N, C-alpha and C. Protein backbone atom coordinates (compact mmCIF):
# COMPACT_ATOMS: atom_id res chain seq x y z
N MET A 1 23.09 19.52 -10.34
CA MET A 1 23.13 18.25 -9.63
C MET A 1 21.87 17.46 -9.96
N SER A 2 22.05 16.17 -10.30
CA SER A 2 20.90 15.32 -10.59
C SER A 2 20.18 14.97 -9.28
N ILE A 3 18.95 14.52 -9.42
CA ILE A 3 18.20 14.10 -8.23
C ILE A 3 18.84 12.87 -7.61
N ASP A 4 19.38 11.95 -8.42
CA ASP A 4 20.08 10.79 -7.85
C ASP A 4 21.28 11.24 -7.02
N GLN A 5 22.00 12.25 -7.49
CA GLN A 5 23.12 12.80 -6.70
C GLN A 5 22.61 13.42 -5.41
N ARG A 6 21.47 14.10 -5.50
CA ARG A 6 20.88 14.70 -4.30
C ARG A 6 20.49 13.63 -3.29
N LEU A 7 19.90 12.54 -3.77
CA LEU A 7 19.53 11.44 -2.87
C LEU A 7 20.78 10.88 -2.18
N ALA A 8 21.85 10.70 -2.94
CA ALA A 8 23.09 10.18 -2.36
C ALA A 8 23.64 11.17 -1.32
N GLU A 9 23.55 12.45 -1.63
CA GLU A 9 24.04 13.49 -0.72
C GLU A 9 23.33 13.46 0.63
N ILE A 10 22.02 13.19 0.60
CA ILE A 10 21.26 13.15 1.86
C ILE A 10 21.19 11.73 2.44
N GLY A 11 21.86 10.79 1.77
CA GLY A 11 21.93 9.43 2.29
C GLY A 11 20.65 8.63 2.17
N LEU A 12 19.90 8.88 1.10
CA LEU A 12 18.62 8.20 0.92
C LEU A 12 18.71 7.22 -0.24
N GLU A 13 18.51 5.94 0.06
CA GLU A 13 18.48 4.90 -0.96
C GLU A 13 17.03 4.49 -1.16
N LEU A 14 16.59 4.49 -2.41
CA LEU A 14 15.20 4.15 -2.71
C LEU A 14 15.01 2.64 -2.72
N PRO A 15 13.90 2.17 -2.13
CA PRO A 15 13.58 0.74 -2.17
C PRO A 15 12.98 0.38 -3.53
N GLN A 16 12.77 -0.91 -3.74
CA GLN A 16 11.99 -1.34 -4.89
C GLN A 16 10.57 -0.79 -4.70
N PRO A 17 9.95 -0.28 -5.76
CA PRO A 17 8.59 0.23 -5.60
C PRO A 17 7.63 -0.90 -5.21
N ALA A 18 6.71 -0.59 -4.32
CA ALA A 18 5.75 -1.58 -3.85
C ALA A 18 4.78 -1.96 -4.97
N ALA A 19 4.46 -3.23 -5.02
CA ALA A 19 3.46 -3.72 -5.97
C ALA A 19 2.07 -3.39 -5.44
N PRO A 20 1.12 -3.17 -6.32
CA PRO A 20 -0.25 -2.91 -5.88
C PRO A 20 -0.80 -4.07 -5.06
N VAL A 21 -1.64 -3.76 -4.08
CA VAL A 21 -2.25 -4.80 -3.25
C VAL A 21 -3.68 -5.13 -3.70
N ALA A 22 -4.14 -4.47 -4.76
CA ALA A 22 -5.49 -4.71 -5.27
C ALA A 22 -5.49 -4.42 -6.77
N SER A 23 -6.65 -4.14 -7.33
CA SER A 23 -6.81 -3.98 -8.78
C SER A 23 -6.62 -2.52 -9.21
N TYR A 24 -5.36 -2.10 -9.30
CA TYR A 24 -5.01 -0.75 -9.76
C TYR A 24 -3.56 -0.77 -10.20
N VAL A 25 -3.11 0.31 -10.81
CA VAL A 25 -1.70 0.45 -11.20
C VAL A 25 -1.05 1.46 -10.26
N PRO A 26 0.26 1.35 -10.06
CA PRO A 26 0.94 2.26 -9.13
C PRO A 26 0.96 3.71 -9.59
N ALA A 27 1.01 3.94 -10.91
CA ALA A 27 1.10 5.31 -11.41
C ALA A 27 0.55 5.38 -12.82
N VAL A 28 -0.01 6.55 -13.14
CA VAL A 28 -0.52 6.82 -14.48
C VAL A 28 0.00 8.19 -14.90
N GLU A 29 0.68 8.23 -16.06
CA GLU A 29 1.14 9.50 -16.62
C GLU A 29 0.16 9.91 -17.71
N GLN A 30 -0.41 11.10 -17.57
CA GLN A 30 -1.39 11.58 -18.53
C GLN A 30 -1.39 13.11 -18.53
N GLY A 31 -1.34 13.68 -19.70
CA GLY A 31 -1.44 15.13 -19.82
C GLY A 31 -0.37 15.90 -19.06
N GLY A 32 0.83 15.38 -19.03
CA GLY A 32 1.92 16.09 -18.35
C GLY A 32 1.94 15.91 -16.85
N LEU A 33 1.05 15.07 -16.34
CA LEU A 33 0.99 14.81 -14.90
C LEU A 33 1.17 13.32 -14.63
N LEU A 34 1.86 13.02 -13.54
CA LEU A 34 1.96 11.65 -13.06
C LEU A 34 1.11 11.56 -11.80
N HIS A 35 0.11 10.69 -11.85
CA HIS A 35 -0.76 10.44 -10.70
C HIS A 35 -0.27 9.16 -10.04
N ILE A 36 0.14 9.26 -8.77
CA ILE A 36 0.69 8.10 -8.08
C ILE A 36 -0.33 7.61 -7.05
N SER A 37 -0.64 6.33 -7.13
CA SER A 37 -1.57 5.72 -6.18
C SER A 37 -1.04 5.85 -4.76
N GLY A 38 -1.94 5.75 -3.79
CA GLY A 38 -1.54 5.85 -2.39
C GLY A 38 -0.46 4.86 -2.02
N GLN A 39 0.56 5.37 -1.36
CA GLN A 39 1.68 4.54 -0.89
C GLN A 39 1.59 4.45 0.62
N ILE A 40 1.62 3.24 1.12
CA ILE A 40 1.46 3.03 2.56
C ILE A 40 2.81 3.02 3.25
N SER A 41 2.76 3.09 4.57
CA SER A 41 3.98 3.24 5.37
C SER A 41 4.72 1.91 5.56
N PHE A 42 5.82 1.76 4.78
CA PHE A 42 6.73 0.62 4.90
C PHE A 42 7.99 1.09 5.63
N ALA A 43 8.42 0.31 6.59
CA ALA A 43 9.68 0.60 7.29
C ALA A 43 10.85 0.27 6.36
N GLU A 44 12.05 0.69 6.75
CA GLU A 44 13.25 0.42 5.94
C GLU A 44 13.47 -1.07 5.73
N ASP A 45 13.06 -1.89 6.69
CA ASP A 45 13.25 -3.34 6.57
C ASP A 45 12.16 -4.02 5.74
N GLY A 46 11.23 -3.23 5.21
CA GLY A 46 10.16 -3.76 4.38
C GLY A 46 8.89 -4.11 5.13
N GLY A 47 8.94 -4.09 6.46
CA GLY A 47 7.75 -4.35 7.26
C GLY A 47 6.81 -3.15 7.24
N LEU A 48 5.57 -3.40 7.58
CA LEU A 48 4.59 -2.32 7.61
C LEU A 48 4.70 -1.52 8.90
N ILE A 49 4.54 -0.22 8.80
CA ILE A 49 4.45 0.64 9.99
C ILE A 49 2.97 0.77 10.30
N LYS A 50 2.54 0.05 11.32
CA LYS A 50 1.12 -0.02 11.68
C LYS A 50 0.85 0.80 12.94
N GLY A 51 -0.39 1.22 13.09
CA GLY A 51 -0.79 1.89 14.32
C GLY A 51 -1.76 3.02 14.06
N ARG A 52 -2.25 3.57 15.16
CA ARG A 52 -3.21 4.68 15.10
C ARG A 52 -2.63 5.85 15.89
N LEU A 53 -2.53 6.98 15.20
CA LEU A 53 -2.02 8.19 15.84
C LEU A 53 -2.97 8.64 16.94
N GLY A 54 -2.39 9.00 18.07
CA GLY A 54 -3.19 9.43 19.21
C GLY A 54 -3.68 8.27 20.05
N GLU A 55 -3.34 7.05 19.64
CA GLU A 55 -3.75 5.87 20.39
C GLU A 55 -2.51 5.05 20.78
N ASP A 56 -1.82 4.49 19.79
CA ASP A 56 -0.61 3.72 20.09
C ASP A 56 0.62 4.25 19.35
N MET A 57 0.48 5.43 18.73
CA MET A 57 1.60 6.10 18.06
C MET A 57 1.57 7.58 18.40
N ASP A 58 2.77 8.16 18.56
CA ASP A 58 2.84 9.61 18.81
C ASP A 58 3.14 10.34 17.49
N VAL A 59 3.14 11.66 17.56
CA VAL A 59 3.32 12.48 16.36
C VAL A 59 4.66 12.19 15.68
N ASP A 60 5.73 12.06 16.45
CA ASP A 60 7.04 11.80 15.84
C ASP A 60 7.05 10.48 15.06
N ALA A 61 6.41 9.46 15.59
CA ALA A 61 6.33 8.18 14.88
C ALA A 61 5.49 8.34 13.61
N GLY A 62 4.45 9.15 13.69
CA GLY A 62 3.63 9.43 12.51
C GLY A 62 4.39 10.18 11.44
N ILE A 63 5.19 11.15 11.85
CA ILE A 63 6.01 11.91 10.90
C ILE A 63 6.97 10.96 10.19
N ALA A 64 7.60 10.06 10.95
CA ALA A 64 8.52 9.10 10.36
C ALA A 64 7.79 8.17 9.38
N ALA A 65 6.58 7.76 9.72
CA ALA A 65 5.79 6.90 8.82
C ALA A 65 5.44 7.65 7.54
N ALA A 66 5.07 8.91 7.66
CA ALA A 66 4.74 9.72 6.47
C ALA A 66 5.97 9.91 5.59
N ARG A 67 7.13 10.10 6.21
CA ARG A 67 8.37 10.21 5.44
C ARG A 67 8.62 8.93 4.65
N ARG A 68 8.39 7.77 5.28
CA ARG A 68 8.58 6.50 4.58
C ARG A 68 7.60 6.36 3.41
N CYS A 69 6.38 6.90 3.55
CA CYS A 69 5.45 6.93 2.42
C CYS A 69 6.05 7.78 1.30
N GLY A 70 6.65 8.91 1.67
CA GLY A 70 7.30 9.78 0.69
C GLY A 70 8.43 9.08 -0.03
N VAL A 71 9.20 8.28 0.69
CA VAL A 71 10.28 7.51 0.06
C VAL A 71 9.70 6.57 -0.99
N MET A 72 8.59 5.92 -0.67
CA MET A 72 7.97 5.02 -1.63
C MET A 72 7.38 5.79 -2.82
N LEU A 73 6.87 7.01 -2.58
CA LEU A 73 6.42 7.84 -3.69
C LEU A 73 7.58 8.11 -4.64
N LEU A 74 8.75 8.43 -4.09
CA LEU A 74 9.93 8.68 -4.92
C LEU A 74 10.29 7.43 -5.73
N ALA A 75 10.21 6.26 -5.10
CA ALA A 75 10.51 5.01 -5.79
C ALA A 75 9.52 4.78 -6.94
N GLN A 76 8.25 5.09 -6.71
CA GLN A 76 7.24 4.93 -7.76
C GLN A 76 7.46 5.94 -8.89
N MET A 77 7.83 7.18 -8.53
CA MET A 77 8.13 8.19 -9.56
C MET A 77 9.26 7.71 -10.45
N LYS A 78 10.33 7.23 -9.84
CA LYS A 78 11.49 6.79 -10.61
C LYS A 78 11.13 5.61 -11.50
N ALA A 79 10.35 4.67 -10.99
CA ALA A 79 9.94 3.52 -11.79
C ALA A 79 9.08 3.95 -12.98
N ALA A 80 8.19 4.89 -12.76
CA ALA A 80 7.27 5.31 -13.82
C ALA A 80 7.95 6.21 -14.86
N LEU A 81 8.88 7.04 -14.41
CA LEU A 81 9.47 8.05 -15.29
C LEU A 81 10.85 7.67 -15.82
N GLY A 82 11.47 6.67 -15.20
CA GLY A 82 12.82 6.29 -15.60
C GLY A 82 13.89 7.10 -14.90
N SER A 83 13.59 8.34 -14.56
CA SER A 83 14.53 9.22 -13.86
C SER A 83 13.75 10.26 -13.07
N LEU A 84 14.20 10.51 -11.86
CA LEU A 84 13.57 11.56 -11.05
C LEU A 84 13.86 12.95 -11.60
N ASP A 85 14.83 13.05 -12.51
CA ASP A 85 15.11 14.35 -13.14
C ASP A 85 13.97 14.78 -14.07
N ARG A 86 13.05 13.88 -14.38
CA ARG A 86 11.88 14.25 -15.19
C ARG A 86 10.80 14.96 -14.35
N VAL A 87 10.96 14.96 -13.03
CA VAL A 87 9.97 15.65 -12.18
C VAL A 87 10.16 17.15 -12.33
N GLU A 88 9.12 17.80 -12.81
CA GLU A 88 9.15 19.26 -12.94
C GLU A 88 8.74 19.91 -11.63
N ARG A 89 7.70 19.33 -11.01
CA ARG A 89 7.19 19.89 -9.75
C ARG A 89 6.30 18.86 -9.08
N VAL A 90 6.39 18.81 -7.77
CA VAL A 90 5.41 18.05 -6.99
C VAL A 90 4.21 18.99 -6.84
N VAL A 91 3.08 18.60 -7.41
CA VAL A 91 1.90 19.47 -7.45
C VAL A 91 1.08 19.34 -6.18
N LYS A 92 0.78 18.10 -5.77
CA LYS A 92 -0.09 17.90 -4.61
C LYS A 92 0.18 16.56 -3.95
N LEU A 93 0.12 16.56 -2.63
CA LEU A 93 0.12 15.32 -1.85
C LEU A 93 -1.21 15.21 -1.13
N GLY A 94 -1.74 14.01 -1.09
CA GLY A 94 -2.91 13.69 -0.28
C GLY A 94 -2.45 12.75 0.82
N VAL A 95 -2.60 13.17 2.06
CA VAL A 95 -2.08 12.40 3.19
C VAL A 95 -3.24 11.92 4.05
N PHE A 96 -3.27 10.62 4.30
CA PHE A 96 -4.31 10.00 5.11
C PHE A 96 -3.65 9.43 6.35
N VAL A 97 -4.15 9.82 7.51
CA VAL A 97 -3.54 9.45 8.78
C VAL A 97 -4.53 8.61 9.59
N ASN A 98 -4.14 7.40 9.95
CA ASN A 98 -4.94 6.53 10.79
C ASN A 98 -4.99 7.19 12.18
N SER A 99 -6.16 7.73 12.55
CA SER A 99 -6.25 8.62 13.70
C SER A 99 -7.30 8.19 14.72
N ALA A 100 -6.92 8.32 15.99
CA ALA A 100 -7.91 8.18 17.06
C ALA A 100 -8.86 9.38 16.97
N PRO A 101 -10.09 9.26 17.50
CA PRO A 101 -11.07 10.34 17.35
C PRO A 101 -10.61 11.72 17.84
N ALA A 102 -9.81 11.77 18.88
CA ALA A 102 -9.39 13.06 19.42
C ALA A 102 -8.09 13.58 18.81
N PHE A 103 -7.47 12.82 17.91
CA PHE A 103 -6.19 13.23 17.33
C PHE A 103 -6.42 14.31 16.28
N VAL A 104 -5.72 15.44 16.40
CA VAL A 104 -5.95 16.57 15.49
C VAL A 104 -4.66 17.08 14.83
N ASP A 105 -3.58 16.34 14.94
CA ASP A 105 -2.30 16.81 14.40
C ASP A 105 -1.94 16.16 13.06
N GLN A 106 -2.93 15.88 12.23
CA GLN A 106 -2.67 15.30 10.91
C GLN A 106 -1.72 16.18 10.09
N PRO A 107 -1.85 17.52 10.12
CA PRO A 107 -0.91 18.33 9.34
C PRO A 107 0.55 18.15 9.78
N LYS A 108 0.79 17.98 11.07
CA LYS A 108 2.15 17.75 11.55
C LYS A 108 2.67 16.42 11.04
N VAL A 109 1.85 15.39 11.08
CA VAL A 109 2.24 14.08 10.57
C VAL A 109 2.56 14.18 9.07
N ALA A 110 1.70 14.86 8.33
CA ALA A 110 1.88 15.00 6.88
C ALA A 110 3.19 15.68 6.52
N ASN A 111 3.70 16.50 7.41
CA ASN A 111 4.97 17.18 7.14
C ASN A 111 6.11 16.20 6.88
N GLY A 112 6.01 14.98 7.39
CA GLY A 112 7.05 13.98 7.12
C GLY A 112 7.24 13.75 5.63
N ALA A 113 6.15 13.66 4.88
CA ALA A 113 6.23 13.47 3.43
C ALA A 113 6.52 14.81 2.74
N SER A 114 5.88 15.87 3.18
CA SER A 114 6.06 17.18 2.54
C SER A 114 7.49 17.66 2.62
N GLU A 115 8.08 17.55 3.80
CA GLU A 115 9.45 18.04 3.97
C GLU A 115 10.44 17.20 3.18
N LEU A 116 10.17 15.90 3.01
CA LEU A 116 11.03 15.07 2.18
C LEU A 116 11.01 15.56 0.73
N MET A 117 9.82 15.87 0.20
CA MET A 117 9.73 16.35 -1.18
C MET A 117 10.53 17.64 -1.37
N GLN A 118 10.47 18.52 -0.38
CA GLN A 118 11.23 19.77 -0.47
C GLN A 118 12.73 19.52 -0.32
N GLU A 119 13.10 18.57 0.51
CA GLU A 119 14.50 18.22 0.69
C GLU A 119 15.10 17.66 -0.60
N VAL A 120 14.33 16.87 -1.32
CA VAL A 120 14.81 16.22 -2.54
C VAL A 120 14.74 17.16 -3.74
N PHE A 121 13.62 17.86 -3.92
CA PHE A 121 13.40 18.65 -5.13
C PHE A 121 13.57 20.15 -4.94
N GLY A 122 13.86 20.61 -3.73
CA GLY A 122 13.99 22.04 -3.49
C GLY A 122 12.66 22.75 -3.67
N GLU A 123 12.70 23.92 -4.25
CA GLU A 123 11.48 24.73 -4.44
C GLU A 123 10.44 23.97 -5.27
N SER A 124 10.89 23.12 -6.20
CA SER A 124 9.95 22.34 -7.01
C SER A 124 9.24 21.26 -6.20
N GLY A 125 9.70 21.02 -4.99
CA GLY A 125 9.06 20.04 -4.12
C GLY A 125 7.96 20.64 -3.25
N ARG A 126 7.84 21.98 -3.27
CA ARG A 126 6.76 22.62 -2.49
C ARG A 126 5.45 22.39 -3.23
N HIS A 127 4.40 22.04 -2.50
CA HIS A 127 3.19 21.54 -3.14
C HIS A 127 1.93 21.93 -2.34
N ALA A 128 0.80 21.78 -3.00
CA ALA A 128 -0.49 21.85 -2.32
C ALA A 128 -0.67 20.51 -1.60
N ARG A 129 -1.56 20.50 -0.57
CA ARG A 129 -1.67 19.27 0.21
C ARG A 129 -3.01 19.21 0.94
N SER A 130 -3.44 17.99 1.17
CA SER A 130 -4.53 17.74 2.12
C SER A 130 -3.98 16.75 3.15
N ALA A 131 -4.45 16.88 4.39
CA ALA A 131 -4.06 15.96 5.47
C ALA A 131 -5.34 15.60 6.20
N VAL A 132 -5.72 14.33 6.09
CA VAL A 132 -7.03 13.88 6.55
C VAL A 132 -6.89 12.77 7.57
N GLY A 133 -7.63 12.85 8.65
CA GLY A 133 -7.68 11.77 9.62
C GLY A 133 -8.74 10.77 9.22
N VAL A 134 -8.40 9.48 9.28
CA VAL A 134 -9.33 8.40 8.94
C VAL A 134 -9.31 7.36 10.05
N THR A 135 -10.35 6.56 10.13
CA THR A 135 -10.46 5.57 11.21
C THR A 135 -9.69 4.29 10.94
N VAL A 136 -9.38 4.01 9.66
CA VAL A 136 -8.63 2.81 9.33
C VAL A 136 -7.99 3.01 7.96
N LEU A 137 -6.83 2.37 7.76
CA LEU A 137 -6.15 2.37 6.47
C LEU A 137 -5.84 0.93 6.07
N PRO A 138 -5.58 0.69 4.79
CA PRO A 138 -5.30 -0.68 4.35
C PRO A 138 -4.19 -1.34 5.17
N LEU A 139 -4.40 -2.59 5.49
CA LEU A 139 -3.44 -3.42 6.21
C LEU A 139 -3.09 -2.89 7.59
N GLY A 140 -3.88 -1.94 8.09
CA GLY A 140 -3.66 -1.40 9.43
C GLY A 140 -2.52 -0.41 9.53
N VAL A 141 -2.04 0.11 8.38
CA VAL A 141 -0.90 1.03 8.41
C VAL A 141 -1.27 2.36 9.04
N ALA A 142 -0.23 3.09 9.43
CA ALA A 142 -0.41 4.37 10.11
C ALA A 142 -0.72 5.51 9.14
N VAL A 143 -0.08 5.49 7.97
CA VAL A 143 -0.19 6.61 7.03
C VAL A 143 -0.22 6.09 5.60
N GLU A 144 -0.93 6.80 4.74
CA GLU A 144 -0.93 6.55 3.30
C GLU A 144 -0.85 7.91 2.61
N VAL A 145 -0.05 8.00 1.55
CA VAL A 145 0.12 9.26 0.83
C VAL A 145 0.04 9.00 -0.66
N ASP A 146 -0.76 9.81 -1.37
CA ASP A 146 -0.76 9.77 -2.83
C ASP A 146 -0.22 11.10 -3.35
N ALA A 147 0.02 11.17 -4.65
CA ALA A 147 0.66 12.37 -5.19
C ALA A 147 0.25 12.63 -6.63
N ILE A 148 0.35 13.89 -6.99
CA ILE A 148 0.25 14.35 -8.38
C ILE A 148 1.54 15.13 -8.65
N VAL A 149 2.21 14.77 -9.73
CA VAL A 149 3.51 15.34 -10.06
C VAL A 149 3.49 15.83 -11.51
N ALA A 150 3.94 17.07 -11.75
CA ALA A 150 4.13 17.56 -13.11
C ALA A 150 5.43 17.00 -13.64
N VAL A 151 5.41 16.52 -14.90
CA VAL A 151 6.60 15.89 -15.47
C VAL A 151 7.07 16.63 -16.72
N LYS A 152 8.39 16.57 -16.91
CA LYS A 152 9.01 17.11 -18.13
C LYS A 152 8.86 16.08 -19.23
N ALA A 153 8.68 16.55 -20.44
CA ALA A 153 8.52 15.63 -21.58
C ALA A 153 9.78 14.83 -21.85
């Protein structure tokens, strides 16, 4: 089964990949790896998912925001590679969570993106990860996720 078939099976339609908001490129393929710039939390309607976990957002909302970052990572992968079937393995995700000082559930929030990668790619979607709390993210979003992906030639 192709990855596009898998996406259809789980009812996931990829959006247009987001354009960079500053001076960088969305993805760089080098040495068999695709490095994807941080993708921020966009809702299905294209609006930004803004907020601070532990202040005006709960864990479930954070998980949903991280999943939406994962959806945008998939869109960037497809744009850069031409096909998600070129993904050999998701190597690492870096997850940044806009967090109130007492919020300590960044790993739970990060699971939104991690579980999506496993849902789409199966065992090849299991990856190393960091989940970091930060005081602010670009445009006031709740979550940002970057990725390193091994690619097939």
